Protein backbone atom coordinates (compact mmCIF):
# COMPACT_ATOMS: atom_id res chain seq x y z
CA UNK A 1 108.40 33.39 -8.20
CA UNK A 2 105.92 31.08 -6.51
CA UNK A 3 106.58 32.77 -3.18
CA UNK A 4 105.78 36.21 -4.60
CA UNK A 5 102.55 34.98 -6.17
CA UNK A 6 101.53 33.33 -2.89
CA UNK A 7 102.09 36.64 -1.11
CA UNK A 8 99.82 38.28 -3.69
CA UNK A 9 97.15 35.62 -3.01
CA UNK A 10 97.38 36.19 0.74
CA UNK A 11 97.10 39.95 0.17
CA UNK A 12 93.89 39.43 -1.84
CA UNK A 13 92.45 37.31 0.98
CA UNK A 14 93.37 39.94 3.58
CA UNK A 15 91.57 42.65 1.59
CA UNK A 16 88.41 40.56 1.49
CA UNK A 17 88.34 39.64 -2.20
CA UNK A 18 85.79 36.97 -3.14
CA UNK A 19 86.99 33.39 -2.84
CA UNK A 20 86.70 32.94 -6.62
CA UNK A 21 88.92 36.00 -7.21
CA UNK A 22 91.50 34.84 -4.66
CA UNK A 23 91.71 31.60 -6.59
CA UNK A 24 91.64 32.94 -10.16
CA UNK A 25 93.58 36.24 -10.14
CA UNK A 26 96.94 34.70 -9.09
CA UNK A 27 96.64 32.27 -12.01
CA UNK A 28 97.01 35.18 -14.42
CA UNK A 29 99.97 36.67 -12.58
CA UNK A 30 101.63 33.25 -12.35
CA UNK A 31 101.53 33.08 -16.16
CA UNK A 32 103.00 36.57 -16.37
CA UNK A 33 105.84 35.80 -13.94
CA UNK A 34 106.67 32.58 -15.81
CA UNK A 35 106.80 34.47 -19.12
CA UNK A 36 109.04 37.20 -17.65
CA UNK A 37 111.42 34.51 -16.47
CA UNK A 38 111.42 32.78 -19.88
CA UNK A 39 112.24 36.09 -21.55
CA UNK A 40 115.14 36.61 -19.10
CA UNK A 41 113.48 39.80 -17.90
CA UNK A 42 113.65 38.42 -14.38
CA UNK A 43 116.43 36.19 -13.09
CA UNK A 44 116.11 32.46 -12.46
CA UNK A 45 117.44 32.48 -8.91
CA UNK A 46 116.30 35.85 -7.65
CA UNK A 47 114.97 36.30 -4.14
CA UNK A 48 111.38 37.45 -3.71
CA UNK A 49 112.58 41.04 -3.13
CA UNK A 50 114.92 41.01 -6.15
CA UNK A 51 112.17 39.58 -8.35
CA UNK A 52 109.72 42.27 -7.25
CA UNK A 53 112.18 45.07 -8.05
CA UNK A 54 113.14 43.66 -11.46
CA UNK A 55 109.57 43.87 -12.81
CA UNK A 56 109.12 47.02 -14.89
CA UNK A 57 106.08 48.72 -16.37
CA UNK A 58 107.50 48.16 -19.85
CA UNK A 59 107.94 44.44 -19.19
CA UNK A 60 104.34 44.14 -18.01
CA UNK A 61 103.03 45.99 -21.07
CA UNK A 62 105.11 43.72 -23.35
CA UNK A 63 103.75 40.61 -21.65
CA UNK A 64 100.15 41.84 -21.78
CA UNK A 65 100.38 42.63 -25.51
CA UNK A 66 101.81 39.13 -26.14
CA UNK A 67 99.28 37.44 -23.88
CA UNK A 68 96.07 39.04 -25.13
CA UNK A 69 97.04 38.33 -28.75
CA UNK A 70 97.92 34.66 -28.23
CA UNK A 71 95.55 31.82 -29.10
CA UNK A 72 93.46 29.95 -26.61
CA UNK A 73 95.44 26.79 -25.81
CA UNK A 74 92.34 24.61 -25.74
CA UNK A 75 90.28 25.91 -28.68
CA UNK A 76 92.92 27.59 -30.87
CA UNK A 77 90.73 30.71 -31.09
CA UNK A 78 91.58 34.14 -29.73
CA UNK A 79 91.02 34.94 -26.07
CA UNK A 80 87.59 36.30 -25.18
CA UNK A 81 87.30 39.94 -24.15
CA UNK A 82 86.08 38.95 -20.69
CA UNK A 83 89.17 36.72 -20.25
CA UNK A 84 91.46 39.56 -21.33
CA UNK A 85 89.70 41.99 -18.97
CA UNK A 86 90.07 39.52 -16.11
CA UNK A 87 93.79 39.31 -16.86
CA UNK A 88 94.05 43.10 -16.79
CA UNK A 89 92.22 43.16 -13.46
CA UNK A 90 94.61 40.55 -12.02
CA UNK A 91 97.72 42.42 -13.14
CA UNK A 92 96.42 45.83 -12.04
CA UNK A 93 95.78 44.42 -8.57
CA UNK A 94 99.22 42.81 -8.62
CA UNK A 95 100.79 46.21 -9.38
CA UNK A 96 98.75 47.69 -6.53
CA UNK A 97 99.97 44.89 -4.25
CA UNK A 98 103.62 45.64 -5.16
CA UNK A 99 103.15 49.35 -4.44
CA UNK A 100 101.24 49.05 -1.18
CA UNK A 101 103.65 46.47 0.24
CA UNK A 102 106.68 48.60 -0.74
CA UNK A 103 108.09 46.01 -3.12
CA UNK A 104 107.99 48.13 -6.28
CA UNK A 105 106.72 51.57 -7.22
CA UNK A 106 105.48 50.76 -10.74
CA UNK A 107 103.16 53.39 -12.21
CA UNK A 108 100.94 51.58 -14.69
CA UNK A 109 97.28 50.71 -15.19
CA UNK A 110 96.23 48.33 -17.94
CA UNK A 111 93.06 49.47 -19.65
CA UNK A 112 90.11 47.11 -19.74
CA UNK A 113 87.95 47.17 -22.85
CA UNK A 114 84.19 47.02 -22.76
CA UNK A 115 82.84 43.57 -23.57
CA UNK A 116 79.73 43.32 -25.76
CA UNK A 117 76.70 43.60 -23.51
CA UNK A 118 75.27 40.15 -22.80
CA UNK A 119 71.61 40.31 -21.87
CA UNK A 120 70.79 37.68 -19.22
CA UNK A 121 67.72 35.44 -19.32
CA UNK A 122 64.71 37.23 -17.87
CA UNK A 123 61.41 35.68 -16.86
CA UNK A 124 58.20 37.64 -17.36
CA UNK A 125 55.75 38.20 -14.50
CA UNK A 126 53.30 35.66 -16.00
CA UNK A 127 56.14 33.11 -16.20
CA UNK A 128 57.00 33.70 -12.54
CA UNK A 129 53.33 33.19 -11.68
CA UNK A 130 53.35 29.96 -13.70
CA UNK A 131 56.30 28.69 -11.66
CA UNK A 132 54.45 29.40 -8.42
CA UNK A 133 51.41 27.57 -9.76
CA UNK A 134 53.63 24.65 -10.80
CA UNK A 135 54.67 24.13 -7.17
CA UNK A 136 51.08 22.99 -6.53
CA UNK A 137 51.29 20.42 -9.35
CA UNK A 138 54.23 18.44 -7.93
CA UNK A 139 54.14 14.89 -9.34
CA UNK A 140 56.54 13.27 -6.81
CA UNK A 141 55.40 10.04 -5.17
CA UNK A 142 56.68 11.06 -1.72
CA UNK A 143 55.52 14.02 0.37
CA UNK A 144 54.54 16.46 -2.36
CA UNK A 145 53.57 19.13 0.19
CA UNK A 146 57.09 19.36 1.69
CA UNK A 147 58.71 19.65 -1.73
CA UNK A 148 56.16 22.26 -2.82
CA UNK A 149 56.77 24.30 0.33
CA UNK A 150 60.53 24.21 -0.18
CA UNK A 151 60.07 25.17 -3.85
CA UNK A 152 57.99 28.20 -2.88
CA UNK A 153 60.56 29.16 -0.25
CA UNK A 154 63.22 28.88 -2.97
CA UNK A 155 61.26 31.29 -5.18
CA UNK A 156 60.75 33.64 -2.20
CA UNK A 157 64.50 33.78 -1.50
CA UNK A 158 65.99 33.81 -5.00
CA UNK A 159 63.25 35.71 -6.84
CA UNK A 160 61.42 37.65 -4.12
CA UNK A 161 64.60 38.69 -2.30
CA UNK A 162 66.95 38.56 -5.31
CA UNK A 163 69.71 36.67 -3.50
CA UNK A 164 72.76 35.31 -5.27
CA UNK A 165 73.09 31.54 -5.28
CA UNK A 166 75.90 31.55 -2.70
CA UNK A 167 73.94 33.95 -0.45
CA UNK A 168 70.88 31.72 -0.44
CA UNK A 169 72.97 28.60 0.11
CA UNK A 170 74.53 30.20 3.21
CA UNK A 171 71.25 31.16 4.87
CA UNK A 172 70.76 29.74 8.37
CA UNK A 173 67.64 29.82 10.53
CA UNK A 174 68.75 32.88 12.53
CA UNK A 175 69.05 34.87 9.28
CA UNK A 176 65.27 34.74 8.78
CA UNK A 177 64.02 37.70 10.81
CA UNK A 178 60.33 36.85 10.66
CA UNK A 179 59.06 39.63 12.92
CA UNK A 180 60.90 42.31 10.97
CA UNK A 181 60.26 40.58 7.61
CA UNK A 182 63.93 40.77 6.71
CA UNK A 183 66.62 38.43 5.47
CA UNK A 184 70.08 38.93 6.93
CA UNK A 185 72.67 38.25 4.22
CA UNK A 186 75.88 37.61 6.16
CA UNK A 187 77.94 36.24 3.29
CA UNK A 188 77.39 38.65 0.42
CA UNK A 189 79.85 39.27 -2.39
CA UNK A 190 83.09 40.78 -1.10
CA UNK A 191 82.17 39.69 2.44
CA UNK A 192 79.58 42.49 2.64
CA UNK A 193 76.49 42.15 4.84
CA UNK A 194 73.04 43.54 4.15
CA UNK A 195 69.38 43.23 5.13
CA UNK A 196 66.83 42.41 2.43
CA UNK A 197 63.07 43.02 2.85
CA UNK A 198 60.71 40.07 2.42
CA UNK A 199 57.30 40.64 0.85
CA UNK A 200 54.19 39.43 2.71
CA UNK A 201 53.61 36.46 0.38
CA UNK A 202 57.29 35.50 0.45
CA UNK A 203 57.34 35.60 4.24
CA UNK A 204 54.23 33.41 4.35
CA UNK A 205 55.85 30.84 2.05
CA UNK A 206 59.06 30.80 4.06
CA UNK A 207 57.25 30.40 7.39
CA UNK A 208 55.13 27.58 5.96
CA UNK A 209 58.27 25.76 4.83
CA UNK A 210 59.90 26.30 8.24
CA UNK A 211 56.89 25.03 10.18
CA UNK A 212 56.06 22.00 8.06
CA UNK A 213 58.19 21.18 5.00
CA UNK A 214 61.60 21.63 6.58
CA UNK A 215 60.59 19.54 9.58
CA UNK A 216 59.56 16.72 7.24
CA UNK A 217 62.97 16.79 5.52
CA UNK A 218 64.67 16.67 8.93
CA UNK A 219 62.63 13.59 9.86
CA UNK A 220 63.96 11.70 6.84
CA UNK A 221 67.54 11.75 8.12
CA UNK A 222 69.07 8.34 8.73
CA UNK A 223 70.95 9.48 11.86
CA UNK A 224 68.84 12.26 13.36
CA UNK A 225 70.55 12.07 16.76
CA UNK A 226 73.97 12.74 15.25
CA UNK A 227 73.10 15.39 12.72
CA UNK A 228 72.07 18.95 13.41
CA UNK A 229 71.48 21.46 10.68
CA UNK A 230 70.91 25.18 11.04
CA UNK A 231 70.78 25.75 7.28
CA UNK A 232 67.50 27.07 5.93
CA UNK A 233 67.48 24.92 2.80
CA UNK A 234 68.09 21.23 3.48
CA UNK A 235 67.74 17.98 1.53
CA UNK A 236 66.53 14.51 2.44
CA UNK A 237 69.72 13.84 4.39
CA UNK A 238 69.35 16.93 6.53
CA UNK A 239 72.33 18.47 4.76
CA UNK A 240 72.54 21.97 3.22
CA UNK A 241 70.84 21.95 -0.18
CA UNK A 242 73.02 23.82 -2.65
CA UNK A 243 71.80 22.59 -6.02
CA UNK A 244 68.29 23.48 -7.14
CA UNK A 245 68.88 22.62 -10.82
CA UNK A 246 66.64 19.53 -10.80
CA UNK A 247 63.87 21.37 -8.95
CA UNK A 248 64.00 24.32 -11.35
CA UNK A 249 63.96 21.98 -14.35
CA UNK A 250 60.86 20.17 -13.06
CA UNK A 251 59.03 23.39 -12.26
CA UNK A 252 59.96 24.86 -15.65
CA UNK A 253 58.55 21.81 -17.42
CA UNK A 254 55.38 21.86 -15.30
CA UNK A 255 54.96 25.57 -16.09
CA UNK A 256 55.54 25.02 -19.82
CA UNK A 257 58.44 27.51 -19.93
CA UNK A 258 60.91 26.98 -22.78
CA UNK A 259 63.66 29.26 -21.47
CA UNK A 260 66.74 27.74 -19.84
CA UNK A 261 66.75 29.23 -16.36
CA UNK A 262 68.95 29.09 -13.27
CA UNK A 263 68.80 30.53 -9.76
CA UNK A 264 70.51 33.66 -11.10
CA UNK A 265 67.70 34.09 -13.64
CA UNK A 266 65.42 34.83 -10.68
CA UNK A 267 67.78 37.56 -9.44
CA UNK A 268 67.93 39.17 -12.89
CA UNK A 269 64.15 38.92 -13.20
CA UNK A 270 63.24 40.57 -9.90
CA UNK A 271 65.69 43.43 -10.57
CA UNK A 272 64.11 44.02 -13.99
CA UNK A 273 60.58 43.83 -12.59
CA UNK A 274 61.41 46.29 -9.81
CA UNK A 275 62.80 48.73 -12.37
CA UNK A 276 59.71 48.24 -14.52
CA UNK A 277 57.60 48.99 -11.47
CA UNK A 278 59.33 52.34 -10.97
CA UNK A 279 61.82 51.58 -8.20
CA UNK A 280 64.82 53.92 -8.20
CA UNK A 281 68.04 52.39 -9.58
CA UNK A 282 69.90 53.32 -6.38
CA UNK A 283 67.38 51.37 -4.29
CA UNK A 284 67.75 48.37 -6.59
CA UNK A 285 71.53 48.60 -6.18
CA UNK A 286 71.14 48.34 -2.38
CA UNK A 287 68.55 45.58 -2.71
CA UNK A 288 70.90 43.46 -4.84
CA UNK A 289 74.00 44.27 -2.79
CA UNK A 290 75.95 45.68 -5.74
CA UNK A 291 79.19 47.47 -4.88
CA UNK A 292 78.78 50.01 -7.69
CA UNK A 293 75.89 51.47 -9.66
CA UNK A 294 77.61 50.33 -12.86
CA UNK A 295 76.66 46.71 -12.11
CA UNK A 296 73.01 47.66 -11.67
CA UNK A 297 72.84 49.71 -14.88
CA UNK A 298 72.58 46.52 -16.96
CA UNK A 299 68.90 46.35 -16.02
CA UNK A 300 68.23 49.64 -17.79
CA UNK A 301 69.73 48.05 -20.92
CA UNK A 302 67.52 44.99 -20.41
CA UNK A 303 64.42 47.21 -20.21
CA UNK A 304 65.43 48.93 -23.43
CA UNK A 305 65.88 45.55 -25.12
CA UNK A 306 62.51 44.31 -23.87
CA UNK A 307 60.75 47.44 -25.13
CA UNK A 308 62.19 47.10 -28.65
């Protein structure tokens, strides 16, 4: 049973699924395989091949009905719709894995139900401007200029270019194509690459950080001779900076913004502002690196909500 699920995990990796999916999807199928064994639907000592062939469409449907109607083990409440949909996704891909590897020819697709639309936190244009202004009011005792420059570079990357958190964290110096005013996103979702345009002001902020602020952070390293860093965003130790929560919290307080915001709030905000400004939804899809237009359509719903 474990061997079959490990093969499924390897298959997901080979197809380029996101690291989070490679980790989470087999957890759902492991629960299904355990349940099938407990119900004597599959044998206890079957080989991987025998186990694959003993799984039927009817058995999967029976498990899924049982599973989505059970209580959450931690809270005692019912499973959320998003959790159920993720389980359906995991099992549908598992069925696909069995078919494509010749282990079983099951013909079944579990239907995923639409979850209630959850509108993400969006910042207004004046609030974005307030955050930029707040970078000039840094109250740190140490080099306020370097921190301010990095903060503005953060806003340029995550708001101006709409990058996901992981994409921005992975940026290295060679990804900043200053002459072409482009960002090269080499580690997008699903291992997809793309080029993202940088606005004039964003490019200016990023270059300023590169020329002055980033160099100051590099000089604070305790072992400069032994440490080299090609990452764009670095901390006081010259290491990749991956957590901007404290910086966002300070800027939010300086700007007098009450909303709870994260790096992803910047991505949602720029997409909404571009749509408000008249950019075509297909162009926004490419800008954000979405695999399907369906993911981008949420911003039309956000606009409708904001206009109510």
